[in-house]
Amino acid sequence: MRTWSRKIGVIRGCLTAALLVCLSLFSACGSQEPQTGELINVYYVSNTETKVEPHEYILLSETPQEQLEELIGCLSDMPDMMEYKAPLAMGFELLSADLAGGRVSLDMSAEYRDMSAVREVLVRAAIVRTLTQLPDVKYVSITVEGDPLYDSAGDLVGLMSADQFINNDGSEINTYELTRVMLYFANQDGDKLVAAYREKYYSTNTPLERFVVEELIAGPSGQVPGLYPTINPETKVINVMTRDGTCYVNLDSSFLTAVNNVSTELAVYSIVDSLVELSNINRVQILVNGEIPASFTATTFERNLDYVTTLDEE
């Protein structure tokens, strides 16, 4: 497998980029509107590996491919600030980088898996938050020598957007908070939903929406008798993200395998009704391997209490 080679070489390095900015300004002295390029942020990992921090950078390139190569150069070169590390210079190699359809696909060498869980999340946060500033990049995906990337919990990472890391920088990377969420599980017959509160510490490294979905997959805690799982416990979460009040939940195909006589529609509304309990979510779209199943009756779902009952009514 070939090793990624920056076609524009040293010119794309952040240190040399500063020199090019100066040259650009110098050559434009006679014009009324000097071209200084677009100001964006490049994210680096702190030496203490507790946060990522943005540093302003003037983007010089114009085409999407050149811009990608330029930012990869920045992410690969050690910054002037000795208290920070370049996320693509952390003991592994970038083997390839491809831009297509609004998505950047990065393939890393096997050493990528040797990083600690916290370091790996910080590296991902720095890369994704840097690259998704480009107008032609909405998502970033990472593979390791062609194989899918799984996080420390064994979940498939999948496509990533900057929204996923909005609370993941700074000291919050190692912070746990106590939260209380309402989850909807099945009754004994598997034809109705029953609400139950769950209070638990969760890592702020995980979006609260994903925490809700993962807890539903984990099933009832057993503290409240009469509750049953709505989702196949083999289901893997590929991605969860929220934008403009809509939560997008991408699961693997195990979700379509029913458990406890629970219909797929009831499983869908167990997710929907649980997620819309969060103040920032009004509707939910559920995908299976990135696509809306043909059996679904809608593309997005809103709260539906017709399925909800209480254990007293059973």
C-alpha atoms as a PDB file:
ATOM      1  CA  MET A   1       0.000   0.000   0.000  1.00  0.00           C
ATOM      2  CA  ARG A   2       1.395   3.366  -0.993  1.00  0.00           C
ATOM      3  CA  THR A   3       2.247   6.022   1.553  1.00  0.00           C
ATOM      4  CA  TRP A   4       0.460   9.350   1.185  1.00  0.00           C
ATOM      5  CA  SER A   5       2.693  11.881  -0.550  1.00  0.00           C
ATOM      6  CA  ARG A   6       1.838  15.555  -0.489  1.00  0.00           C
ATOM      7  CA  LYS A   7       2.033  16.528  -4.148  1.00  0.00           C
ATOM      8  CA  ILE A   8       2.685  20.150  -3.391  1.00  0.00           C
ATOM      9  CA  GLY A   9       5.558  19.275  -1.052  1.00  0.00           C
ATOM     10  CA  VAL A  10       7.018  21.885   1.224  1.00  0.00           C
ATOM     11  CA  ILE A  11       4.871  24.600  -0.359  1.00  0.00           C
ATOM     12  CA  ARG A  12       1.896  23.158   1.462  1.00  0.00           C
ATOM     13  CA  GLY A  13       3.613  23.149   4.850  1.00  0.00           C
ATOM     14  CA  CYS A  14       2.141  25.587   7.316  1.00  0.00           C
ATOM     15  CA  LEU A  15       5.474  27.246   8.003  1.00  0.00           C
ATOM     16  CA  THR A  16       6.199  27.836   4.326  1.00  0.00           C
ATOM     17  CA  ALA A  17       2.593  28.928   3.861  1.00  0.00           C
ATOM     18  CA  ALA A  18       3.279  31.918   6.067  1.00  0.00           C
ATOM     19  CA  LEU A  19       6.113  32.937   3.740  1.00  0.00           C
ATOM     20  CA  LEU A  20       3.810  32.603   0.734  1.00  0.00           C
ATOM     21  CA  VAL A  21       1.259  34.872   2.387  1.00  0.00           C
ATOM     22  CA  CYS A  22       3.935  37.512   2.779  1.00  0.00           C
ATOM     23  CA  LEU A  23       4.985  37.150  -0.848  1.00  0.00           C
ATOM     24  CA  SER A  24       1.362  37.338  -1.951  1.00  0.00           C
ATOM     25  CA  LEU A  25       0.821  40.536  -0.015  1.00  0.00           C
ATOM     26  CA  PHE A  26       4.062  42.014  -1.329  1.00  0.00           C
ATOM     27  CA  SER A  27       3.146  41.339  -4.958  1.00  0.00           C
ATOM     28  CA  ALA A  28      -0.274  42.904  -4.398  1.00  0.00           C
ATOM     29  CA  CYS A  29       1.018  46.148  -2.916  1.00  0.00           C
ATOM     30  CA  GLY A  30       0.175  48.057  -6.055  1.00  0.00           C
ATOM     31  CA  SER A  31      -3.433  46.843  -6.147  1.00  0.00           C
ATOM     32  CA  GLN A  32      -6.328  48.325  -4.214  1.00  0.00           C
ATOM     33  CA  GLU A  33      -7.686  44.948  -3.117  1.00  0.00           C
ATOM     34  CA  PRO A  34      -4.855  42.666  -1.953  1.00  0.00           C
ATOM     35  CA  GLN A  35      -5.755  38.955  -2.034  1.00  0.00           C
ATOM     36  CA  THR A  36      -5.050  37.461   1.381  1.00  0.00           C
ATOM     37  CA  GLY A  37      -7.040  34.192   1.123  1.00  0.00           C
ATOM     38  CA  GLU A  38      -9.619  32.756   3.483  1.00  0.00           C
ATOM     39  CA  LEU A  39      -8.978  32.682   7.229  1.00  0.00           C
ATOM     40  CA  ILE A  40      -9.782  29.315   8.828  1.00  0.00           C
ATOM     41  CA  ASN A  41      -8.706  27.326  11.897  1.00  0.00           C
ATOM     42  CA  VAL A  42      -6.261  24.431  11.999  1.00  0.00           C
ATOM     43  CA  TYR A  43      -6.697  22.253  15.088  1.00  0.00           C
ATOM     44  CA  TYR A  44      -3.734  20.801  17.003  1.00  0.00           C
ATOM     45  CA  VAL A  45      -3.531  18.414  19.978  1.00  0.00           C
ATOM     46  CA  SER A  46      -2.074  19.721  23.215  1.00  0.00           C
ATOM     47  CA  ASN A  47       1.113  18.107  24.563  1.00  0.00           C
ATOM     48  CA  THR A  48      -0.854  17.082  27.642  1.00  0.00           C
ATOM     49  CA  GLU A  49      -3.343  15.351  25.324  1.00  0.00           C
ATOM     50  CA  THR A  50      -6.308  16.836  27.126  1.00  0.00           C
ATOM     51  CA  LYS A  51      -7.650  19.169  24.434  1.00  0.00           C
ATOM     52  CA  VAL A  52      -7.497  20.359  20.848  1.00  0.00           C
ATOM     53  CA  GLU A  53      -7.065  24.030  20.111  1.00  0.00           C
ATOM     54  CA  PRO A  54      -7.654  26.057  16.935  1.00  0.00           C
ATOM     55  CA  HIS A  55      -4.987  28.298  15.433  1.00  0.00           C
ATOM     56  CA  GLU A  56      -5.748  30.767  12.660  1.00  0.00           C
ATOM     57  CA  TYR A  57      -4.398  30.008   9.209  1.00  0.00           C
ATOM     58  CA  ILE A  58      -4.793  31.661   5.815  1.00  0.00           C
ATOM     59  CA  LEU A  59      -5.857  29.184   3.149  1.00  0.00           C
ATOM     60  CA  LEU A  60      -3.929  29.765  -0.067  1.00  0.00           C
ATOM     61  CA  SER A  61      -5.313  27.200  -2.496  1.00  0.00           C
ATOM     62  CA  GLU A  62      -8.411  27.559  -4.650  1.00  0.00           C
ATOM     63  CA  THR A  63      -9.518  24.122  -5.911  1.00  0.00           C
ATOM     64  CA  PRO A  64     -11.063  21.616  -3.450  1.00  0.00           C
ATOM     65  CA  GLN A  65      -8.296  19.041  -4.011  1.00  0.00           C
ATOM     66  CA  GLU A  66      -5.536  21.594  -3.498  1.00  0.00           C
ATOM     67  CA  GLN A  67      -7.234  22.895  -0.350  1.00  0.00           C
ATOM     68  CA  LEU A  68      -7.425  19.362   1.037  1.00  0.00           C
ATOM     69  CA  GLU A  69      -3.734  18.788   0.330  1.00  0.00           C
ATOM     70  CA  GLU A  70      -2.836  22.122   1.904  1.00  0.00           C
ATOM     71  CA  LEU A  71      -4.673  21.356   5.145  1.00  0.00           C
ATOM     72  CA  ILE A  72      -3.254  17.843   5.283  1.00  0.00           C
ATOM     73  CA  GLY A  73       0.157  19.494   5.091  1.00  0.00           C
ATOM     74  CA  CYS A  74      -0.745  21.672   8.068  1.00  0.00           C
ATOM     75  CA  LEU A  75      -2.070  18.729  10.061  1.00  0.00           C
ATOM     76  CA  SER A  76       1.121  16.780   9.312  1.00  0.00           C
ATOM     77  CA  ASP A  77       3.708  19.453  10.177  1.00  0.00           C
ATOM     78  CA  MET A  78       4.699  20.113  13.756  1.00  0.00           C
ATOM     79  CA  PRO A  79       3.456  23.579  14.775  1.00  0.00           C
ATOM     80  CA  ASP A  80       5.710  26.401  15.964  1.00  0.00           C
ATOM     81  CA  MET A  81       4.009  26.245  19.344  1.00  0.00           C
ATOM     82  CA  MET A  82       5.958  23.624  21.278  1.00  0.00           C
ATOM     83  CA  GLU A  83       2.967  22.917  23.522  1.00  0.00           C
ATOM     84  CA  TYR A  84       0.992  21.371  20.655  1.00  0.00           C
ATOM     85  CA  LYS A  85       1.268  18.311  18.395  1.00  0.00           C
ATOM     86  CA  ALA A  86       0.271  17.850  14.765  1.00  0.00           C
ATOM     87  CA  PRO A  87      -2.578  15.285  14.677  1.00  0.00           C
ATOM     88  CA  LEU A  88      -1.177  13.546  11.581  1.00  0.00           C
ATOM     89  CA  ALA A  89       2.273  13.217  13.164  1.00  0.00           C
ATOM     90  CA  MET A  90       1.353  11.033  16.138  1.00  0.00           C
ATOM     91  CA  GLY A  91       3.188   7.820  15.330  1.00  0.00           C
ATOM     92  CA  PHE A  92       1.193   6.602  12.319  1.00  0.00           C
ATOM     93  CA  GLU A  93       1.152   7.361   8.588  1.00  0.00           C
ATOM     94  CA  LEU A  94      -1.578   8.721   6.366  1.00  0.00           C
ATOM     95  CA  LEU A  95      -1.689   6.227   3.499  1.00  0.00           C
ATOM     96  CA  SER A  96      -4.259   7.914   1.280  1.00  0.00           C
ATOM     97  CA  ALA A  97      -6.710  10.799   1.195  1.00  0.00           C
ATOM     98  CA  ASP A  98      -9.593  11.027  -1.262  1.00  0.00           C
ATOM     99  CA  LEU A  99     -12.259  13.694  -1.728  1.00  0.00           C
ATOM    100  CA  ALA A 100     -15.532  12.749  -3.427  1.00  0.00           C
ATOM    101  CA  GLY A 101     -19.191  13.590  -2.930  1.00  0.00           C
ATOM    102  CA  GLY A 102     -18.594  15.945  -0.018  1.00  0.00           C
ATOM    103  CA  ARG A 103     -16.669  13.304   1.925  1.00  0.00           C
ATOM    104  CA  VAL A 104     -12.967  12.984   2.682  1.00  0.00           C
ATOM    105  CA  SER A 105     -11.839   9.374   3.108  1.00  0.00           C
ATOM    106  CA  LEU A 106      -8.591   8.936   5.040  1.00  0.00           C
ATOM    107  CA  ASP A 107      -6.750   5.627   5.294  1.00  0.00           C
ATOM    108  CA  MET A 108      -4.231   5.262   8.130  1.00  0.00           C
ATOM    109  CA  SER A 109      -1.425   2.795   8.764  1.00  0.00           C
ATOM    110  CA  ALA A 110      -1.791   0.010  11.348  1.00  0.00           C
ATOM    111  CA  GLU A 111       0.006   2.093  14.002  1.00  0.00           C
ATOM    112  CA  TYR A 112      -3.141   4.226  14.256  1.00  0.00           C
ATOM    113  CA  ARG A 113      -4.687   1.482  16.384  1.00  0.00           C
ATOM    114  CA  ASP A 114      -1.832   1.709  18.915  1.00  0.00           C
ATOM    115  CA  MET A 115      -3.000   5.090  20.212  1.00  0.00           C
ATOM    116  CA  SER A 116      -4.797   5.358  23.532  1.00  0.00           C
ATOM    117  CA  ALA A 117      -8.552   5.942  23.392  1.00  0.00           C
ATOM    118  CA  VAL A 118      -8.254   9.578  24.502  1.00  0.00           C
ATOM    119  CA  ARG A 119      -5.444  10.374  22.059  1.00  0.00           C
ATOM    120  CA  GLU A 120      -7.341   8.754  19.184  1.00  0.00           C
ATOM    121  CA  VAL A 121     -10.472  10.813  19.900  1.00  0.00           C
ATOM    122  CA  LEU A 122      -8.421  14.004  20.054  1.00  0.00           C
ATOM    123  CA  VAL A 123      -6.710  13.176  16.750  1.00  0.00           C
ATOM    124  CA  ARG A 124     -10.081  12.531  15.133  1.00  0.00           C
ATOM    125  CA  ALA A 125     -11.532  15.740  16.574  1.00  0.00           C
ATOM    126  CA  ALA A 126      -8.624  17.829  15.261  1.00  0.00           C
ATOM    127  CA  ILE A 127      -8.762  16.270  11.790  1.00  0.00           C
ATOM    128  CA  VAL A 128     -12.533  16.462  11.378  1.00  0.00           C
ATOM    129  CA  ARG A 129     -12.929  19.978  12.748  1.00  0.00           C
ATOM    130  CA  THR A 130     -10.148  21.209  10.462  1.00  0.00           C
ATOM    131  CA  LEU A 131     -11.200  19.548   7.202  1.00  0.00           C
ATOM    132  CA  THR A 132     -14.951  20.144   7.483  1.00  0.00           C
ATOM    133  CA  GLN A 133     -14.361  23.882   7.315  1.00  0.00           C
ATOM    134  CA  LEU A 134     -13.765  23.434   3.586  1.00  0.00           C
ATOM    135  CA  PRO A 135     -16.977  24.187   1.647  1.00  0.00           C
ATOM    136  CA  ASP A 136     -16.667  20.915  -0.307  1.00  0.00           C
ATOM    137  CA  VAL A 137     -16.252  18.731   2.797  1.00  0.00           C
ATOM    138  CA  LYS A 138     -19.250  17.753   4.939  1.00  0.00           C
ATOM    139  CA  TYR A 139     -17.987  14.466   6.364  1.00  0.00           C
ATOM    140  CA  VAL A 140     -14.748  12.659   7.117  1.00  0.00           C
ATOM    141  CA  SER A 141     -14.283   8.911   7.336  1.00  0.00           C
ATOM    142  CA  ILE A 142     -11.233   7.024   8.604  1.00  0.00           C
ATOM    143  CA  THR A 143     -10.124   3.491   7.822  1.00  0.00           C
ATOM    144  CA  VAL A 144      -7.036   1.626   9.008  1.00  0.00           C
ATOM    145  CA  GLU A 145      -5.238  -0.105   6.154  1.00  0.00           C
ATOM    146  CA  GLY A 146      -8.576  -0.388   4.391  1.00  0.00           C
ATOM    147  CA  ASP A 147     -10.493  -1.770   7.373  1.00  0.00           C
ATOM    148  CA  PRO A 148     -13.329   0.130   9.128  1.00  0.00           C
ATOM    149  CA  LEU A 149     -12.411   2.101  12.248  1.00  0.00           C
ATOM    150  CA  TYR A 150     -14.016   1.085  15.564  1.00  0.00           C
ATOM    151  CA  ASP A 151     -13.883   3.179  18.726  1.00  0.00           C
ATOM    152  CA  SER A 152     -12.766   2.003  22.160  1.00  0.00           C
ATOM    153  CA  ALA A 153     -16.289   0.713  22.888  1.00  0.00           C
ATOM    154  CA  GLY A 154     -16.212  -1.480  19.799  1.00  0.00           C
ATOM    155  CA  ASP A 155     -18.669   0.671  17.832  1.00  0.00           C
ATOM    156  CA  LEU A 156     -18.156   1.500  14.170  1.00  0.00           C
ATOM    157  CA  VAL A 157     -17.073   5.132  13.856  1.00  0.00           C
ATOM    158  CA  GLY A 158     -18.436   5.740  10.333  1.00  0.00           C
ATOM    159  CA  LEU A 159     -18.892   9.203   8.847  1.00  0.00           C
ATOM    160  CA  MET A 160     -17.949  12.107  11.108  1.00  0.00           C
ATOM    161  CA  SER A 161     -18.955  15.754  11.062  1.00  0.00           C
ATOM    162  CA  ALA A 162     -17.731  18.676  13.142  1.00  0.00           C
ATOM    163  CA  ASP A 163     -20.962  18.577  15.187  1.00  0.00           C
ATOM    164  CA  GLN A 164     -19.910  15.314  16.779  1.00  0.00           C
ATOM    165  CA  PHE A 165     -16.903  16.940  18.417  1.00  0.00           C
ATOM    166  CA  ILE A 166     -18.405  20.233  19.509  1.00  0.00           C
ATOM    167  CA  ASN A 167     -18.116  19.219  23.190  1.00  0.00           C
ATOM    168  CA  ASN A 168     -15.051  17.044  22.815  1.00  0.00           C
ATOM    169  CA  ASP A 169     -12.217  19.535  23.040  1.00  0.00           C
ATOM    170  CA  GLY A 170     -10.771  21.270  26.064  1.00  0.00           C
ATOM    171  CA  SER A 171     -10.811  19.685  29.492  1.00  0.00           C
ATOM    172  CA  GLU A 172     -14.184  18.068  28.742  1.00  0.00           C
ATOM    173  CA  ILE A 173     -12.443  15.191  26.979  1.00  0.00           C
ATOM    174  CA  ASN A 174     -12.111  13.389  30.322  1.00  0.00           C
ATOM    175  CA  THR A 175     -15.270  14.724  31.960  1.00  0.00           C
ATOM    176  CA  TYR A 176     -18.207  12.567  33.066  1.00  0.00           C
ATOM    177  CA  GLU A 177     -21.587  14.026  33.865  1.00  0.00           C
ATOM    178  CA  LEU A 178     -24.615  12.587  35.618  1.00  0.00           C
ATOM    179  CA  THR A 179     -27.634  12.677  33.318  1.00  0.00           C
ATOM    180  CA  ARG A 180     -31.256  11.578  33.619  1.00  0.00           C
ATOM    181  CA  VAL A 181     -33.000  10.577  30.398  1.00  0.00           C
ATOM    182  CA  MET A 182     -36.348   9.004  29.591  1.00  0.00           C
ATOM    183  CA  LEU A 183     -36.211   5.801  27.550  1.00  0.00           C
ATOM    184  CA  TYR A 184     -39.069   3.874  25.974  1.00  0.00           C
ATOM    185  CA  PHE A 185     -38.947   0.069  26.182  1.00  0.00           C
ATOM    186  CA  ALA A 186     -41.482  -2.625  25.224  1.00  0.00           C
ATOM    187  CA  ASN A 187     -44.158  -4.168  27.394  1.00  0.00           C
ATOM    188  CA  GLN A 188     -44.395  -7.942  27.848  1.00  0.00           C
ATOM    189  CA  ASP A 189     -46.535  -8.442  24.739  1.00  0.00           C
ATOM    190  CA  GLY A 190     -44.179  -6.326  22.604  1.00  0.00           C
ATOM    191  CA  ASP A 191     -46.993  -4.153  21.213  1.00  0.00           C
ATOM    192  CA  LYS A 192     -46.690  -1.057  23.419  1.00  0.00           C
ATOM    193  CA  LEU A 193     -43.999   1.241  24.778  1.00  0.00           C
ATOM    194  CA  VAL A 194     -43.422   2.004  28.450  1.00  0.00           C
ATOM    195  CA  ALA A 195     -41.377   4.994  29.611  1.00  0.00           C
ATOM    196  CA  ALA A 196     -38.687   4.643  32.250  1.00  0.00           C
ATOM    197  CA  TYR A 197     -36.091   7.071  33.555  1.00  0.00           C
ATOM    198  CA  ARG A 198     -32.435   6.135  33.514  1.00  0.00           C
ATOM    199  CA  GLU A 199     -29.894   8.039  35.598  1.00  0.00           C
ATOM    200  CA  LYS A 200     -26.286   7.362  34.737  1.00  0.00           C
ATOM    201  CA  TYR A 201     -22.874   8.951  34.363  1.00  0.00           C
ATOM    202  CA  TYR A 202     -21.831   9.355  30.756  1.00  0.00           C
ATOM    203  CA  SER A 203     -18.702  10.674  29.070  1.00  0.00           C
ATOM    204  CA  THR A 204     -19.060  14.098  27.471  1.00  0.00           C
ATOM    205  CA  ASN A 205     -16.891  12.568  24.778  1.00  0.00           C
ATOM    206  CA  THR A 206     -20.189  10.958  23.657  1.00  0.00           C
ATOM    207  CA  PRO A 207     -23.067  13.127  22.339  1.00  0.00           C
ATOM    208  CA  LEU A 208     -26.119  12.757  24.542  1.00  0.00           C
ATOM    209  CA  GLU A 209     -28.176  11.587  21.532  1.00  0.00           C
ATOM    210  CA  ARG A 210     -25.810   8.673  20.978  1.00  0.00           C
ATOM    211  CA  PHE A 211     -25.901   7.855  24.690  1.00  0.00           C
ATOM    212  CA  VAL A 212     -29.711   7.550  24.483  1.00  0.00           C
ATOM    213  CA  VAL A 213     -29.566   5.224  21.461  1.00  0.00           C
ATOM    214  CA  GLU A 214     -26.855   3.061  23.033  1.00  0.00           C
ATOM    215  CA  GLU A 215     -28.825   2.742  26.269  1.00  0.00           C
ATOM    216  CA  LEU A 216     -31.909   1.653  24.311  1.00  0.00           C
ATOM    217  CA  ILE A 217     -29.829  -1.020  22.583  1.00  0.00           C
ATOM    218  CA  ALA A 218     -28.463  -2.135  25.964  1.00  0.00           C
ATOM    219  CA  GLY A 219     -32.053  -2.747  27.065  1.00  0.00           C
ATOM    220  CA  PRO A 220     -33.860  -2.310  30.394  1.00  0.00           C
ATOM    221  CA  SER A 221     -31.717  -2.240  33.507  1.00  0.00           C
ATOM    222  CA  GLY A 222     -33.912  -4.694  35.400  1.00  0.00           C
ATOM    223  CA  GLN A 223     -34.686  -2.166  38.126  1.00  0.00           C
ATOM    224  CA  VAL A 224     -38.220  -1.779  36.752  1.00  0.00           C
ATOM    225  CA  PRO A 225     -39.982  -5.151  36.232  1.00  0.00           C
ATOM    226  CA  GLY A 226     -42.107  -5.582  33.136  1.00  0.00           C
ATOM    227  CA  LEU A 227     -39.848  -3.791  30.654  1.00  0.00           C
ATOM    228  CA  TYR A 228     -38.376  -5.562  27.638  1.00  0.00           C
ATOM    229  CA  PRO A 229     -35.889  -4.599  24.890  1.00  0.00           C
ATOM    230  CA  THR A 230     -37.180  -3.044  21.683  1.00  0.00           C
ATOM    231  CA  ILE A 231     -33.935  -3.306  19.710  1.00  0.00           C
ATOM    232  CA  ASN A 232     -31.765  -6.270  18.817  1.00  0.00           C
ATOM    233  CA  PRO A 233     -28.769  -6.108  21.211  1.00  0.00           C
ATOM    234  CA  GLU A 234     -26.478  -7.005  18.290  1.00  0.00           C
ATOM    235  CA  THR A 235     -27.291  -3.662  16.649  1.00  0.00           C
ATOM    236  CA  LYS A 236     -24.268  -1.412  16.119  1.00  0.00           C
ATOM    237  CA  VAL A 237     -24.449   2.371  16.084  1.00  0.00           C
ATOM    238  CA  ILE A 238     -22.703   3.696  12.999  1.00  0.00           C
ATOM    239  CA  ASN A 239     -23.375   7.359  13.588  1.00  0.00           C
ATOM    240  CA  VAL A 240     -25.680   9.745  15.449  1.00  0.00           C
ATOM    241  CA  MET A 241     -25.805  13.459  14.749  1.00  0.00           C
ATOM    242  CA  THR A 242     -28.297  16.307  15.195  1.00  0.00           C
ATOM    243  CA  ARG A 243     -28.789  19.272  12.909  1.00  0.00           C
ATOM    244  CA  ASP A 244     -31.551  21.893  12.852  1.00  0.00           C
ATOM    245  CA  GLY A 245     -33.710  19.918  15.270  1.00  0.00           C
ATOM    246  CA  THR A 246     -33.474  16.631  13.362  1.00  0.00           C
ATOM    247  CA  CYS A 247     -31.507  13.723  14.822  1.00  0.00           C
ATOM    248  CA  TYR A 248     -30.009  11.358  12.248  1.00  0.00           C
ATOM    249  CA  VAL A 249     -29.456   7.832  13.577  1.00  0.00           C
ATOM    250  CA  ASN A 250     -27.489   5.424  11.376  1.00  0.00           C
ATOM    251  CA  LEU A 251     -27.577   1.764  12.518  1.00  0.00           C
ATOM    252  CA  ASP A 252     -26.339  -1.466  11.004  1.00  0.00           C
ATOM    253  CA  SER A 253     -28.648  -4.109   9.514  1.00  0.00           C
ATOM    254  CA  SER A 254     -29.073  -5.953  12.826  1.00  0.00           C
ATOM    255  CA  PHE A 255     -31.656  -3.303  13.702  1.00  0.00           C
ATOM    256  CA  LEU A 256     -34.073  -4.912  11.235  1.00  0.00           C
ATOM    257  CA  THR A 257     -33.960  -8.246  13.103  1.00  0.00           C
ATOM    258  CA  ALA A 258     -36.842  -8.172  15.581  1.00  0.00           C
ATOM    259  CA  VAL A 259     -36.622  -9.221  19.230  1.00  0.00           C
ATOM    260  CA  ASN A 260     -39.397 -10.145  21.688  1.00  0.00           C
ATOM    261  CA  ASN A 261     -42.094  -9.949  18.986  1.00  0.00           C
ATOM    262  CA  VAL A 262     -41.436  -6.210  18.724  1.00  0.00           C
ATOM    263  CA  SER A 263     -42.257  -4.862  15.265  1.00  0.00           C
ATOM    264  CA  THR A 264     -39.774  -2.664  13.417  1.00  0.00           C
ATOM    265  CA  GLU A 265     -42.265   0.209  13.655  1.00  0.00           C
ATOM    266  CA  LEU A 266     -42.419  -0.067  17.451  1.00  0.00           C
ATOM    267  CA  ALA A 267     -38.605  -0.234  17.593  1.00  0.00           C
ATOM    268  CA  VAL A 268     -38.460   2.925  15.475  1.00  0.00           C
ATOM    269  CA  TYR A 269     -40.787   4.794  17.827  1.00  0.00           C
ATOM    270  CA  SER A 270     -38.889   3.614  20.886  1.00  0.00           C
ATOM    271  CA  ILE A 271     -35.913   5.516  19.441  1.00  0.00           C
ATOM    272  CA  VAL A 272     -37.956   8.480  18.238  1.00  0.00           C
ATOM    273  CA  ASP A 273     -39.944   8.993  21.445  1.00  0.00           C
ATOM    274  CA  SER A 274     -36.790   8.649  23.551  1.00  0.00           C
ATOM    275  CA  LEU A 275     -34.781  11.137  21.473  1.00  0.00           C
ATOM    276  CA  VAL A 276     -37.461  13.826  21.232  1.00  0.00           C
ATOM    277  CA  GLU A 277     -37.416  13.964  25.027  1.00  0.00           C
ATOM    278  CA  LEU A 278     -34.164  15.888  24.530  1.00  0.00           C
ATOM    279  CA  SER A 279     -34.756  19.630  24.219  1.00  0.00           C
ATOM    280  CA  ASN A 280     -32.802  20.044  20.963  1.00  0.00           C
ATOM    281  CA  ILE A 281     -34.614  17.323  18.969  1.00  0.00           C
ATOM    282  CA  ASN A 282     -38.001  17.625  17.242  1.00  0.00           C
ATOM    283  CA  ARG A 283     -37.856  14.769  14.740  1.00  0.00           C
ATOM    284  CA  VAL A 284     -35.723  11.738  13.940  1.00  0.00           C
ATOM    285  CA  GLN A 285     -34.491  10.079  10.764  1.00  0.00           C
ATOM    286  CA  ILE A 286     -33.343   6.463  11.089  1.00  0.00           C
ATOM    287  CA  LEU A 287     -30.988   4.961   8.519  1.00  0.00           C
ATOM    288  CA  VAL A 288     -29.786   1.395   8.151  1.00  0.00           C
ATOM    289  CA  ASN A 289     -26.283   1.251   6.714  1.00  0.00           C
ATOM    290  CA  GLY A 290     -26.746   4.807   5.468  1.00  0.00           C
ATOM    291  CA  GLU A 291     -30.087   4.242   3.707  1.00  0.00           C
ATOM    292  CA  ILE A 292     -33.770   4.562   4.607  1.00  0.00           C
ATOM    293  CA  PRO A 293     -35.271   1.040   4.534  1.00  0.00           C
ATOM    294  CA  ALA A 294     -38.023   0.542   1.944  1.00  0.00           C
ATOM    295  CA  SER A 295     -40.311  -0.794   4.698  1.00  0.00           C
ATOM    296  CA  PHE A 296     -40.339   2.540   6.544  1.00  0.00           C
ATOM    297  CA  THR A 297     -43.551   4.550   6.220  1.00  0.00           C
ATOM    298  CA  ALA A 298     -41.774   7.928   6.370  1.00  0.00           C
ATOM    299  CA  THR A 299     -38.342   9.487   5.934  1.00  0.00           C
ATOM    300  CA  THR A 300     -38.494  11.298   9.288  1.00  0.00           C
ATOM    301  CA  PHE A 301     -40.547  10.570  12.402  1.00  0.00           C
ATOM    302  CA  GLU A 302     -42.002  12.778  15.114  1.00  0.00           C
ATOM    303  CA  ARG A 303     -43.180  11.922  18.618  1.00  0.00           C
ATOM    304  CA  ASN A 304     -45.972   9.325  18.629  1.00  0.00           C
ATOM    305  CA  LEU A 305     -47.632   8.585  21.946  1.00  0.00           C
ATOM    306  CA  ASP A 306     -50.260   6.259  20.463  1.00  0.00           C
ATOM    307  CA  TYR A 307     -47.962   3.330  21.239  1.00  0.00           C
ATOM    308  CA  VAL A 308     -47.257   4.446  24.809  1.00  0.00           C
ATOM    309  CA  THR A 309     -48.856   2.809  27.800  1.00  0.00           C
ATOM    310  CA  THR A 310     -48.066   2.380  31.494  1.00  0.00           C
ATOM    311  CA  LEU A 311     -47.443  -0.777  33.466  1.00  0.00           C
ATOM    312  CA  ASP A 312     -50.581  -0.022  35.518  1.00  0.00           C
ATOM    313  CA  GLU A 313     -52.675  -0.385  32.347  1.00  0.00           C
ATOM    314  CA  GLU A 314     -51.218  -3.779  31.502  1.00  0.00           C
END
